């Protein structure tokens, strides 16, 4: 668990006066400005955020120090990070995606299956993207209590009970 968590990304300029199209990764998308100022991943730049409206696939926002379209365009693809201590504490059964990525995944018998590469949400619930040694492709495991009964952040592991046939057989 790092000291910074990615809470948004800049998708490009919005208009000609320096506003940006912003993808928010917070539970309440418009609350992204409440965690500011936000920094780039390397910490080299810091921006205050003022959400100015909702647009298709995101938000329109003003960033401190950005005043024209050219400056906004240069920020396309920039991820924005907030210090972990500014984020709200979560209930026991909720997790920040950043805390799950990289965790080892074991089956209920204690066999290492792989590591969490990413978390995806396509609208029907979160999916853990897992990659294991000797696998040709990644596997998407539903992040439900049935398929993932235990997440132990302290030990850095997840215990999974994947549906039959989901996990590839190890190559001999």
C-alpha atoms as a PDB file:
ATOM      1  CA  UNK A   1       0.000   0.000   0.000  1.00  0.00           C
ATOM      2  CA  UNK A   2       1.593   3.215  -1.152  1.00  0.00           C
ATOM      3  CA  UNK A   3       1.185   6.638   0.370  1.00  0.00           C
ATOM      4  CA  UNK A   4      -0.643   7.905  -2.763  1.00  0.00           C
ATOM      5  CA  UNK A   5      -3.782   6.601  -4.462  1.00  0.00           C
ATOM      6  CA  UNK A   6      -4.824   7.358  -8.043  1.00  0.00           C
ATOM      7  CA  UNK A   7      -8.185   9.159  -7.849  1.00  0.00           C
ATOM      8  CA  UNK A   8      -8.520  10.384 -11.432  1.00  0.00           C
ATOM      9  CA  UNK A   9      -7.053  10.889 -14.882  1.00  0.00           C
ATOM     10  CA  UNK A  10      -7.128  13.720 -17.373  1.00  0.00           C
ATOM     11  CA  UNK A  11      -8.712  12.725 -20.673  1.00  0.00           C
ATOM     12  CA  UNK A  12      -7.794  15.916 -22.540  1.00  0.00           C
ATOM     13  CA  UNK A  13      -8.951  19.487 -23.041  1.00  0.00           C
ATOM     14  CA  UNK A  14     -12.589  20.519 -22.783  1.00  0.00           C
ATOM     15  CA  UNK A  15     -13.243  23.731 -24.648  1.00  0.00           C
ATOM     16  CA  UNK A  16     -10.707  26.468 -25.314  1.00  0.00           C
ATOM     17  CA  UNK A  17     -10.374  28.127 -21.901  1.00  0.00           C
ATOM     18  CA  UNK A  18      -8.224  25.545 -20.138  1.00  0.00           C
ATOM     19  CA  UNK A  19     -10.861  23.207 -18.752  1.00  0.00           C
ATOM     20  CA  UNK A  20     -10.106  19.490 -18.877  1.00  0.00           C
ATOM     21  CA  UNK A  21     -12.137  16.325 -19.346  1.00  0.00           C
ATOM     22  CA  UNK A  22     -11.596  14.424 -16.125  1.00  0.00           C
ATOM     23  CA  UNK A  23     -12.231  10.777 -15.292  1.00  0.00           C
ATOM     24  CA  UNK A  24     -12.876  10.428 -11.570  1.00  0.00           C
ATOM     25  CA  UNK A  25     -12.177   7.140  -9.787  1.00  0.00           C
ATOM     26  CA  UNK A  26     -13.762   8.225  -6.497  1.00  0.00           C
ATOM     27  CA  UNK A  27     -17.019   6.756  -5.122  1.00  0.00           C
ATOM     28  CA  UNK A  28     -18.693  10.154  -5.579  1.00  0.00           C
ATOM     29  CA  UNK A  29     -17.102  11.344  -8.847  1.00  0.00           C
ATOM     30  CA  UNK A  30     -17.724  15.040  -8.183  1.00  0.00           C
ATOM     31  CA  UNK A  31     -15.977  14.809  -4.796  1.00  0.00           C
ATOM     32  CA  UNK A  32     -12.570  14.412  -6.483  1.00  0.00           C
ATOM     33  CA  UNK A  33     -11.784  18.058  -5.761  1.00  0.00           C
ATOM     34  CA  UNK A  34     -12.260  17.441  -2.030  1.00  0.00           C
ATOM     35  CA  UNK A  35      -9.047  15.382  -1.929  1.00  0.00           C
ATOM     36  CA  UNK A  36      -6.924  18.109  -3.488  1.00  0.00           C
ATOM     37  CA  UNK A  37      -4.582  19.431  -4.283  1.00  0.00           C
ATOM     38  CA  UNK A  38      -3.845  16.388  -6.422  1.00  0.00           C
ATOM     39  CA  UNK A  39      -0.395  15.528  -7.737  1.00  0.00           C
ATOM     40  CA  UNK A  40       1.058  13.734 -10.713  1.00  0.00           C
ATOM     41  CA  UNK A  41       2.488  10.265 -10.067  1.00  0.00           C
ATOM     42  CA  UNK A  42       6.037  11.579  -9.702  1.00  0.00           C
ATOM     43  CA  UNK A  43       4.857  14.431  -7.467  1.00  0.00           C
ATOM     44  CA  UNK A  44       6.397  17.029  -9.800  1.00  0.00           C
ATOM     45  CA  UNK A  45       3.115  18.895 -10.386  1.00  0.00           C
ATOM     46  CA  UNK A  46       0.214  19.711  -8.096  1.00  0.00           C
ATOM     47  CA  UNK A  47      -3.259  20.888  -9.135  1.00  0.00           C
ATOM     48  CA  UNK A  48      -6.271  22.208  -7.315  1.00  0.00           C
ATOM     49  CA  UNK A  49      -9.466  20.833  -8.894  1.00  0.00           C
ATOM     50  CA  UNK A  50     -12.792  22.617  -9.375  1.00  0.00           C
ATOM     51  CA  UNK A  51     -15.465  20.487 -11.037  1.00  0.00           C
ATOM     52  CA  UNK A  52     -17.489  22.680 -13.399  1.00  0.00           C
ATOM     53  CA  UNK A  53     -19.976  20.121 -14.691  1.00  0.00           C
ATOM     54  CA  UNK A  54     -20.775  16.632 -15.849  1.00  0.00           C
ATOM     55  CA  UNK A  55     -20.049  15.626 -19.426  1.00  0.00           C
ATOM     56  CA  UNK A  56     -20.297  12.383 -21.340  1.00  0.00           C
ATOM     57  CA  UNK A  57     -17.937   9.802 -19.785  1.00  0.00           C
ATOM     58  CA  UNK A  58     -16.660  12.110 -17.063  1.00  0.00           C
ATOM     59  CA  UNK A  59     -16.471  15.591 -15.653  1.00  0.00           C
ATOM     60  CA  UNK A  60     -15.435  19.020 -16.866  1.00  0.00           C
ATOM     61  CA  UNK A  61     -13.001  20.637 -14.441  1.00  0.00           C
ATOM     62  CA  UNK A  62     -10.637  23.543 -13.953  1.00  0.00           C
ATOM     63  CA  UNK A  63      -7.125  22.787 -12.745  1.00  0.00           C
ATOM     64  CA  UNK A  64      -5.100  25.410 -10.909  1.00  0.00           C
ATOM     65  CA  UNK A  65      -2.470  26.922 -13.200  1.00  0.00           C
ATOM     66  CA  UNK A  66      -4.068  25.683 -16.439  1.00  0.00           C
ATOM     67  CA  UNK A  67      -5.567  28.555 -18.438  1.00  0.00           C
ATOM     68  CA  UNK A  68      -5.701  27.521 -22.106  1.00  0.00           C
ATOM     69  CA  UNK A  69      -6.485  24.593 -24.389  1.00  0.00           C
ATOM     70  CA  UNK A  70      -2.834  23.928 -25.243  1.00  0.00           C
ATOM     71  CA  UNK A  71      -1.854  23.509 -21.581  1.00  0.00           C
ATOM     72  CA  UNK A  72      -4.879  21.262 -21.008  1.00  0.00           C
ATOM     73  CA  UNK A  73      -4.071  19.128 -24.079  1.00  0.00           C
ATOM     74  CA  UNK A  74      -0.528  18.505 -22.808  1.00  0.00           C
ATOM     75  CA  UNK A  75      -2.000  16.878 -19.688  1.00  0.00           C
ATOM     76  CA  UNK A  76      -3.940  14.213 -21.609  1.00  0.00           C
ATOM     77  CA  UNK A  77      -3.339  10.827 -19.952  1.00  0.00           C
ATOM     78  CA  UNK A  78      -1.984  12.327 -16.729  1.00  0.00           C
ATOM     79  CA  UNK A  79      -3.048  10.367 -13.649  1.00  0.00           C
ATOM     80  CA  UNK A  80      -3.891  12.363 -10.542  1.00  0.00           C
ATOM     81  CA  UNK A  81      -3.036  11.144  -7.045  1.00  0.00           C
ATOM     82  CA  UNK A  82      -4.197  12.018  -3.541  1.00  0.00           C
ATOM     83  CA  UNK A  83      -2.338  11.232  -0.332  1.00  0.00           C
ATOM     84  CA  UNK A  84      -3.833   8.126   1.284  1.00  0.00           C
ATOM     85  CA  UNK A  85      -4.474   9.986   4.550  1.00  0.00           C
ATOM     86  CA  UNK A  86      -6.935  12.327   2.775  1.00  0.00           C
ATOM     87  CA  UNK A  87      -9.118   9.410   1.694  1.00  0.00           C
ATOM     88  CA  UNK A  88     -11.969   8.225   3.906  1.00  0.00           C
ATOM     89  CA  UNK A  89     -11.563   5.089   6.009  1.00  0.00           C
ATOM     90  CA  UNK A  90     -13.403   2.131   4.529  1.00  0.00           C
ATOM     91  CA  UNK A  91     -15.615  -0.465   6.205  1.00  0.00           C
ATOM     92  CA  UNK A  92     -14.029  -3.893   6.761  1.00  0.00           C
ATOM     93  CA  UNK A  93     -15.494  -5.385   3.571  1.00  0.00           C
ATOM     94  CA  UNK A  94     -14.454  -2.587   1.189  1.00  0.00           C
ATOM     95  CA  UNK A  95     -11.041  -1.983  -0.368  1.00  0.00           C
ATOM     96  CA  UNK A  96      -9.233   0.551  -2.498  1.00  0.00           C
ATOM     97  CA  UNK A  97      -8.319  -1.000  -5.849  1.00  0.00           C
ATOM     98  CA  UNK A  98      -4.735   0.184  -5.385  1.00  0.00           C
ATOM     99  CA  UNK A  99      -4.473  -2.009  -2.280  1.00  0.00           C
ATOM    100  CA  UNK A 100      -5.527  -5.164  -4.160  1.00  0.00           C
ATOM    101  CA  UNK A 101      -3.233  -4.884  -7.176  1.00  0.00           C
ATOM    102  CA  UNK A 102      -0.145  -7.049  -6.717  1.00  0.00           C
ATOM    103  CA  UNK A 103      -1.611  -9.273  -3.990  1.00  0.00           C
ATOM    104  CA  UNK A 104      -0.987 -13.015  -4.202  1.00  0.00           C
ATOM    105  CA  UNK A 105      -4.115 -15.103  -4.833  1.00  0.00           C
ATOM    106  CA  UNK A 106      -4.358 -18.544  -3.225  1.00  0.00           C
ATOM    107  CA  UNK A 107      -7.097 -21.147  -3.573  1.00  0.00           C
ATOM    108  CA  UNK A 108      -8.882 -22.444  -0.482  1.00  0.00           C
ATOM    109  CA  UNK A 109      -6.378 -25.324  -0.305  1.00  0.00           C
ATOM    110  CA  UNK A 110      -3.421 -22.941  -0.034  1.00  0.00           C
ATOM    111  CA  UNK A 111      -2.119 -23.340  -3.610  1.00  0.00           C
ATOM    112  CA  UNK A 112      -0.788 -20.134  -5.163  1.00  0.00           C
ATOM    113  CA  UNK A 113      -2.889 -19.287  -8.216  1.00  0.00           C
ATOM    114  CA  UNK A 114      -1.292 -15.998  -9.257  1.00  0.00           C
ATOM    115  CA  UNK A 115      -1.249 -12.255  -8.615  1.00  0.00           C
ATOM    116  CA  UNK A 116      -3.857  -9.545  -9.064  1.00  0.00           C
ATOM    117  CA  UNK A 117      -2.847  -7.481 -12.104  1.00  0.00           C
ATOM    118  CA  UNK A 118      -5.809  -5.114 -12.261  1.00  0.00           C
ATOM    119  CA  UNK A 119      -9.390  -4.561 -11.183  1.00  0.00           C
ATOM    120  CA  UNK A 120     -12.104  -3.973 -13.760  1.00  0.00           C
ATOM    121  CA  UNK A 121     -15.667  -2.755 -13.350  1.00  0.00           C
ATOM    122  CA  UNK A 122     -17.846  -3.037 -16.425  1.00  0.00           C
ATOM    123  CA  UNK A 123     -21.049  -2.189 -14.571  1.00  0.00           C
ATOM    124  CA  UNK A 124     -22.016  -5.560 -13.122  1.00  0.00           C
ATOM    125  CA  UNK A 125     -19.447  -5.582 -10.303  1.00  0.00           C
ATOM    126  CA  UNK A 126     -15.709  -5.691  -9.902  1.00  0.00           C
ATOM    127  CA  UNK A 127     -13.550  -8.346 -11.555  1.00  0.00           C
ATOM    128  CA  UNK A 128     -10.031  -9.223 -10.409  1.00  0.00           C
ATOM    129  CA  UNK A 129      -7.644  -9.771 -13.313  1.00  0.00           C
ATOM    130  CA  UNK A 130      -5.292 -12.541 -12.192  1.00  0.00           C
ATOM    131  CA  UNK A 131      -2.202 -13.889 -13.928  1.00  0.00           C
ATOM    132  CA  UNK A 132      -0.539 -17.097 -12.825  1.00  0.00           C
ATOM    133  CA  UNK A 133       2.766 -18.785 -13.589  1.00  0.00           C
ATOM    134  CA  UNK A 134       2.534 -20.847 -16.768  1.00  0.00           C
ATOM    135  CA  UNK A 135      -0.779 -19.314 -17.831  1.00  0.00           C
ATOM    136  CA  UNK A 136      -1.211 -18.179 -21.409  1.00  0.00           C
ATOM    137  CA  UNK A 137      -3.794 -15.506 -20.538  1.00  0.00           C
ATOM    138  CA  UNK A 138      -5.141 -13.704 -17.522  1.00  0.00           C
ATOM    139  CA  UNK A 139      -8.339 -14.802 -15.769  1.00  0.00           C
ATOM    140  CA  UNK A 140     -11.144 -12.511 -14.625  1.00  0.00           C
ATOM    141  CA  UNK A 141     -12.405 -13.579 -11.206  1.00  0.00           C
ATOM    142  CA  UNK A 142     -15.652 -12.040  -9.918  1.00  0.00           C
ATOM    143  CA  UNK A 143     -14.902 -10.018  -6.797  1.00  0.00           C
ATOM    144  CA  UNK A 144     -17.807 -11.421  -4.789  1.00  0.00           C
ATOM    145  CA  UNK A 145     -17.935 -12.910  -1.309  1.00  0.00           C
ATOM    146  CA  UNK A 146     -18.550 -16.367  -2.876  1.00  0.00           C
ATOM    147  CA  UNK A 147     -15.526 -16.262  -5.204  1.00  0.00           C
ATOM    148  CA  UNK A 148     -13.259 -14.261  -2.870  1.00  0.00           C
ATOM    149  CA  UNK A 149     -14.111 -15.147   0.737  1.00  0.00           C
ATOM    150  CA  UNK A 150     -10.971 -13.594   2.274  1.00  0.00           C
ATOM    151  CA  UNK A 151      -8.859 -10.502   1.602  1.00  0.00           C
ATOM    152  CA  UNK A 152      -5.964 -10.143   4.038  1.00  0.00           C
ATOM    153  CA  UNK A 153      -4.181  -6.874   3.300  1.00  0.00           C
ATOM    154  CA  UNK A 154      -1.829  -7.328   6.258  1.00  0.00           C
ATOM    155  CA  UNK A 155      -0.551 -10.657   4.906  1.00  0.00           C
ATOM    156  CA  UNK A 156      -0.723  -9.407   1.309  1.00  0.00           C
ATOM    157  CA  UNK A 157      -2.950 -12.196   0.055  1.00  0.00           C
ATOM    158  CA  UNK A 158      -6.384 -13.108  -1.205  1.00  0.00           C
ATOM    159  CA  UNK A 159      -8.074 -16.465  -0.695  1.00  0.00           C
ATOM    160  CA  UNK A 160     -10.234 -17.356  -3.696  1.00  0.00           C
ATOM    161  CA  UNK A 161     -12.778 -20.064  -4.389  1.00  0.00           C
ATOM    162  CA  UNK A 162     -13.065 -19.663  -8.174  1.00  0.00           C
ATOM    163  CA  UNK A 163     -15.906 -21.274 -10.125  1.00  0.00           C
ATOM    164  CA  UNK A 164     -15.024 -24.681 -11.640  1.00  0.00           C
ATOM    165  CA  UNK A 165     -13.149 -24.415 -14.911  1.00  0.00           C
ATOM    166  CA  UNK A 166     -12.092 -20.779 -14.489  1.00  0.00           C
ATOM    167  CA  UNK A 167      -8.474 -21.397 -13.480  1.00  0.00           C
ATOM    168  CA  UNK A 168      -6.285 -23.013 -16.141  1.00  0.00           C
ATOM    169  CA  UNK A 169      -4.649 -26.330 -15.325  1.00  0.00           C
ATOM    170  CA  UNK A 170      -0.909 -26.004 -14.670  1.00  0.00           C
ATOM    171  CA  UNK A 171       1.292 -27.102 -17.554  1.00  0.00           C
ATOM    172  CA  UNK A 172       3.309 -30.201 -16.841  1.00  0.00           C
END
